[in-house]
Amino acid sequence: MSKAEQTAIDANLAGHTADMLALPHMACWRRDCRRRNRCYWHFASRGEPCCLKNLTEDERRVFDELYADAVLVRDNWRGLNLIPATQRKRDLRDAAFAIVRAALPRCDRRRFAARMRARAAERPAPAGSPEAWDREAFEIYLIYRPRGM
């Protein structure tokens, strides 16, 4: 069982993650989702989009990784720029920022746009540098810290 399955899934964020991966158009069997190219059907008990049942193990792993990164960004975008050192992780983080921007409530959009501008102005730490290791260690702490802290 993946980490995204173990925790309660935010249906709004999971739907936007599925939209980013084009799952409504490529993997969903529901006509409404394919026509609107938007994820509308969710399992009521888990909150995850119905099209996730149609994914292979590797595809589901990609969804879970992007969803977990989007949750990290959603929970920490106010105080951190969250720029990883490696290019692959940077691309994943940029996609997570786009997902969170689409899922944010209207009242937070102006502050989020300011955070995005500040993030764009900052340079990433070189891969393998002590600063990059510190950032990565802090992100690992953010992911695995006990809730309520």
C-alpha atoms as a PDB file:
ATOM      1  CA  MET A   1       0.000   0.000   0.000  1.00  0.00           C
ATOM      2  CA  SER A   2       1.456   3.363  -0.988  1.00  0.00           C
ATOM      3  CA  LYS A   3       1.839   6.334   1.331  1.00  0.00           C
ATOM      4  CA  ALA A   4      -0.931   8.244  -0.509  1.00  0.00           C
ATOM      5  CA  GLU A   5      -3.325   5.325   0.083  1.00  0.00           C
ATOM      6  CA  GLN A   6      -2.484   5.106   3.782  1.00  0.00           C
ATOM      7  CA  THR A   7      -3.531   8.673   4.559  1.00  0.00           C
ATOM      8  CA  ALA A   8      -6.883  10.242   3.863  1.00  0.00           C
ATOM      9  CA  ILE A   9      -6.911  11.622   0.339  1.00  0.00           C
ATOM     10  CA  ASP A  10      -8.047  15.170  -0.350  1.00  0.00           C
ATOM     11  CA  ALA A  11     -10.527  14.698  -3.205  1.00  0.00           C
ATOM     12  CA  ASN A  12      -9.983  18.196  -4.610  1.00  0.00           C
ATOM     13  CA  LEU A  13      -6.195  17.877  -4.706  1.00  0.00           C
ATOM     14  CA  ALA A  14      -6.364  14.313  -6.035  1.00  0.00           C
ATOM     15  CA  GLY A  15      -8.738  15.442  -8.792  1.00  0.00           C
ATOM     16  CA  HIS A  16      -6.375  18.231  -9.844  1.00  0.00           C
ATOM     17  CA  THR A  17      -3.455  15.782  -9.765  1.00  0.00           C
ATOM     18  CA  ALA A  18      -5.398  13.430 -12.039  1.00  0.00           C
ATOM     19  CA  ASP A  19      -6.163  16.357 -14.334  1.00  0.00           C
ATOM     20  CA  MET A  20      -2.459  17.270 -14.507  1.00  0.00           C
ATOM     21  CA  LEU A  21      -1.647  13.713 -15.610  1.00  0.00           C
ATOM     22  CA  ALA A  22      -4.510  13.747 -18.173  1.00  0.00           C
ATOM     23  CA  LEU A  23      -6.139  10.744 -16.507  1.00  0.00           C
ATOM     24  CA  PRO A  24      -9.733  11.821 -17.276  1.00  0.00           C
ATOM     25  CA  HIS A  25      -8.922  11.773 -20.973  1.00  0.00           C
ATOM     26  CA  MET A  26      -6.492   8.859 -21.104  1.00  0.00           C
ATOM     27  CA  ALA A  27      -7.546   6.375 -18.412  1.00  0.00           C
ATOM     28  CA  CYS A  28     -11.078   7.103 -17.251  1.00  0.00           C
ATOM     29  CA  TRP A  29     -13.986   4.972 -18.396  1.00  0.00           C
ATOM     30  CA  ARG A  30     -16.574   7.578 -17.394  1.00  0.00           C
ATOM     31  CA  ARG A  31     -17.986   9.556 -20.284  1.00  0.00           C
ATOM     32  CA  ASP A  32     -18.506  12.708 -18.189  1.00  0.00           C
ATOM     33  CA  CYS A  33     -14.840  12.851 -17.266  1.00  0.00           C
ATOM     34  CA  ARG A  34     -13.613  12.214 -20.805  1.00  0.00           C
ATOM     35  CA  ARG A  35     -15.887  14.834 -22.355  1.00  0.00           C
ATOM     36  CA  ARG A  36     -15.088  17.533 -19.812  1.00  0.00           C
ATOM     37  CA  ASN A  37     -11.437  16.428 -19.541  1.00  0.00           C
ATOM     38  CA  ARG A  38     -11.888  16.901 -15.808  1.00  0.00           C
ATOM     39  CA  CYS A  39     -12.111  14.425 -12.946  1.00  0.00           C
ATOM     40  CA  TYR A  40     -15.666  14.401 -11.533  1.00  0.00           C
ATOM     41  CA  TRP A  41     -16.205  10.895 -10.118  1.00  0.00           C
ATOM     42  CA  HIS A  42     -14.645   9.981  -6.770  1.00  0.00           C
ATOM     43  CA  PHE A  43     -14.973   7.049  -4.414  1.00  0.00           C
ATOM     44  CA  ALA A  44     -16.948   8.385  -1.461  1.00  0.00           C
ATOM     45  CA  SER A  45     -15.177   6.221   1.106  1.00  0.00           C
ATOM     46  CA  ARG A  46     -11.590   7.112   0.121  1.00  0.00           C
ATOM     47  CA  GLY A  47     -11.989  10.380  -1.782  1.00  0.00           C
ATOM     48  CA  GLU A  48      -9.744   9.272  -4.628  1.00  0.00           C
ATOM     49  CA  PRO A  49     -10.719   9.629  -8.307  1.00  0.00           C
ATOM     50  CA  CYS A  50     -12.352   6.560  -9.851  1.00  0.00           C
ATOM     51  CA  CYS A  51      -9.901   6.499 -12.764  1.00  0.00           C
ATOM     52  CA  LEU A  52      -7.080   5.427 -10.431  1.00  0.00           C
ATOM     53  CA  LYS A  53      -8.503   1.901 -10.501  1.00  0.00           C
ATOM     54  CA  ASN A  54      -7.648   1.748 -14.224  1.00  0.00           C
ATOM     55  CA  LEU A  55      -3.942   2.468 -13.748  1.00  0.00           C
ATOM     56  CA  THR A  56      -1.102  -0.018 -13.785  1.00  0.00           C
ATOM     57  CA  GLU A  57       1.245  -0.269 -10.799  1.00  0.00           C
ATOM     58  CA  ASP A  58       3.857   2.003 -12.383  1.00  0.00           C
ATOM     59  CA  GLU A  59       1.276   4.598 -13.393  1.00  0.00           C
ATOM     60  CA  ARG A  60      -0.214   4.533  -9.910  1.00  0.00           C
ATOM     61  CA  ARG A  61       3.244   5.030  -8.418  1.00  0.00           C
ATOM     62  CA  VAL A  62       3.693   8.156 -10.568  1.00  0.00           C
ATOM     63  CA  PHE A  63       0.313   9.483  -9.419  1.00  0.00           C
ATOM     64  CA  ASP A  64       1.148   8.794  -5.765  1.00  0.00           C
ATOM     65  CA  GLU A  65       4.525  10.514  -6.053  1.00  0.00           C
ATOM     66  CA  LEU A  66       3.025  13.622  -7.650  1.00  0.00           C
ATOM     67  CA  TYR A  67       0.135  13.678  -5.185  1.00  0.00           C
ATOM     68  CA  ALA A  68       2.498  13.368  -2.196  1.00  0.00           C
ATOM     69  CA  ASP A  69       4.594  16.231  -3.555  1.00  0.00           C
ATOM     70  CA  ALA A  70       1.453  18.334  -4.073  1.00  0.00           C
ATOM     71  CA  VAL A  71       0.428  17.676  -0.455  1.00  0.00           C
ATOM     72  CA  LEU A  72       3.888  18.771   0.702  1.00  0.00           C
ATOM     73  CA  VAL A  73       3.601  21.993  -1.310  1.00  0.00           C
ATOM     74  CA  ARG A  74       0.027  22.651  -0.150  1.00  0.00           C
ATOM     75  CA  ASP A  75       0.988  22.273   3.498  1.00  0.00           C
ATOM     76  CA  ASN A  76       4.220  24.316   3.302  1.00  0.00           C
ATOM     77  CA  TRP A  77       3.962  26.893   0.502  1.00  0.00           C
ATOM     78  CA  ARG A  78       3.634  29.876   2.848  1.00  0.00           C
ATOM     79  CA  GLY A  79       7.106  29.675   4.309  1.00  0.00           C
ATOM     80  CA  LEU A  80       9.309  27.685   1.960  1.00  0.00           C
ATOM     81  CA  ASN A  81      10.435  28.053  -1.639  1.00  0.00           C
ATOM     82  CA  LEU A  82      10.981  24.290  -1.868  1.00  0.00           C
ATOM     83  CA  ILE A  83      13.466  24.136  -4.750  1.00  0.00           C
ATOM     84  CA  PRO A  84      15.075  20.669  -4.995  1.00  0.00           C
ATOM     85  CA  ALA A  85      18.629  20.251  -6.282  1.00  0.00           C
ATOM     86  CA  THR A  86      18.031  17.677  -9.037  1.00  0.00           C
ATOM     87  CA  GLN A  87      16.271  18.562 -12.276  1.00  0.00           C
ATOM     88  CA  ARG A  88      13.829  15.641 -12.112  1.00  0.00           C
ATOM     89  CA  LYS A  89      12.662  16.630  -8.654  1.00  0.00           C
ATOM     90  CA  ARG A  90      12.443  20.276  -9.738  1.00  0.00           C
ATOM     91  CA  ASP A  91      10.133  19.317 -12.608  1.00  0.00           C
ATOM     92  CA  LEU A  92       8.000  17.266 -10.239  1.00  0.00           C
ATOM     93  CA  ARG A  93       7.883  20.155  -7.742  1.00  0.00           C
ATOM     94  CA  ASP A  94       6.907  22.631 -10.486  1.00  0.00           C
ATOM     95  CA  ALA A  95       4.024  20.340 -11.438  1.00  0.00           C
ATOM     96  CA  ALA A  96       3.023  20.132  -7.775  1.00  0.00           C
ATOM     97  CA  PHE A  97       3.010  23.944  -7.526  1.00  0.00           C
ATOM     98  CA  ALA A  98       0.749  24.088 -10.607  1.00  0.00           C
ATOM     99  CA  ILE A  99      -1.627  21.563  -9.011  1.00  0.00           C
ATOM    100  CA  VAL A 100      -1.765  23.510  -5.757  1.00  0.00           C
ATOM    101  CA  ARG A 101      -2.337  26.772  -7.623  1.00  0.00           C
ATOM    102  CA  ALA A 102      -5.381  25.225  -9.323  1.00  0.00           C
ATOM    103  CA  ALA A 103      -6.697  23.740  -6.058  1.00  0.00           C
ATOM    104  CA  LEU A 104      -6.245  26.799  -3.820  1.00  0.00           C
ATOM    105  CA  PRO A 105      -9.229  28.727  -2.533  1.00  0.00           C
ATOM    106  CA  ARG A 106      -9.722  32.150  -4.067  1.00  0.00           C
ATOM    107  CA  CYS A 107      -8.618  34.023  -0.912  1.00  0.00           C
ATOM    108  CA  ASP A 108      -5.064  32.549  -1.066  1.00  0.00           C
ATOM    109  CA  ARG A 109      -4.345  33.086  -4.762  1.00  0.00           C
ATOM    110  CA  ARG A 110      -2.726  36.522  -4.468  1.00  0.00           C
ATOM    111  CA  ARG A 111      -0.308  35.391  -1.713  1.00  0.00           C
ATOM    112  CA  PHE A 112       0.446  32.217  -3.642  1.00  0.00           C
ATOM    113  CA  ALA A 113       1.295  34.248  -6.752  1.00  0.00           C
ATOM    114  CA  ALA A 114       3.694  36.361  -4.673  1.00  0.00           C
ATOM    115  CA  ARG A 115       5.311  33.163  -3.342  1.00  0.00           C
ATOM    116  CA  MET A 116       5.684  31.865  -6.907  1.00  0.00           C
ATOM    117  CA  ARG A 117       7.437  35.086  -7.979  1.00  0.00           C
ATOM    118  CA  ALA A 118       9.836  34.832  -5.024  1.00  0.00           C
ATOM    119  CA  ARG A 119      10.457  31.180  -5.847  1.00  0.00           C
ATOM    120  CA  ALA A 120      11.194  32.002  -9.494  1.00  0.00           C
ATOM    121  CA  ALA A 121      13.778  34.603  -8.426  1.00  0.00           C
ATOM    122  CA  GLU A 122      15.682  32.149  -6.198  1.00  0.00           C
ATOM    123  CA  ARG A 123      18.364  29.899  -7.663  1.00  0.00           C
ATOM    124  CA  PRO A 124      18.468  26.218  -6.717  1.00  0.00           C
ATOM    125  CA  ALA A 125      21.374  24.901  -4.678  1.00  0.00           C
ATOM    126  CA  PRO A 126      23.938  22.955  -6.742  1.00  0.00           C
ATOM    127  CA  ALA A 127      23.373  19.209  -6.599  1.00  0.00           C
ATOM    128  CA  GLY A 128      25.638  17.540  -4.045  1.00  0.00           C
ATOM    129  CA  SER A 129      26.354  20.724  -2.103  1.00  0.00           C
ATOM    130  CA  PRO A 130      25.837  20.863   1.677  1.00  0.00           C
ATOM    131  CA  GLU A 131      23.022  23.382   1.187  1.00  0.00           C
ATOM    132  CA  ALA A 132      21.214  20.941  -1.120  1.00  0.00           C
ATOM    133  CA  TRP A 133      21.617  18.176   1.469  1.00  0.00           C
ATOM    134  CA  ASP A 134      20.213  20.433   4.169  1.00  0.00           C
ATOM    135  CA  ARG A 135      17.181  21.290   2.051  1.00  0.00           C
ATOM    136  CA  GLU A 136      16.583  17.655   1.205  1.00  0.00           C
ATOM    137  CA  ALA A 137      16.868  16.629   4.867  1.00  0.00           C
ATOM    138  CA  PHE A 138      14.395  19.344   5.839  1.00  0.00           C
ATOM    139  CA  GLU A 139      11.930  18.183   3.177  1.00  0.00           C
ATOM    140  CA  ILE A 140      12.220  14.612   4.458  1.00  0.00           C
ATOM    141  CA  TYR A 141      11.456  15.929   7.931  1.00  0.00           C
ATOM    142  CA  LEU A 142       8.390  17.767   6.594  1.00  0.00           C
ATOM    143  CA  ILE A 143       7.089  14.622   4.914  1.00  0.00           C
ATOM    144  CA  TYR A 144       7.545  12.267   7.865  1.00  0.00           C
ATOM    145  CA  ARG A 145       6.975  14.540  10.876  1.00  0.00           C
ATOM    146  CA  PRO A 146       4.140  13.617  13.205  1.00  0.00           C
ATOM    147  CA  ARG A 147       0.954  15.561  12.499  1.00  0.00           C
ATOM    148  CA  GLY A 148       0.065  18.238  15.012  1.00  0.00           C
ATOM    149  CA  MET A 149       3.621  19.591  15.352  1.00  0.00           C
END
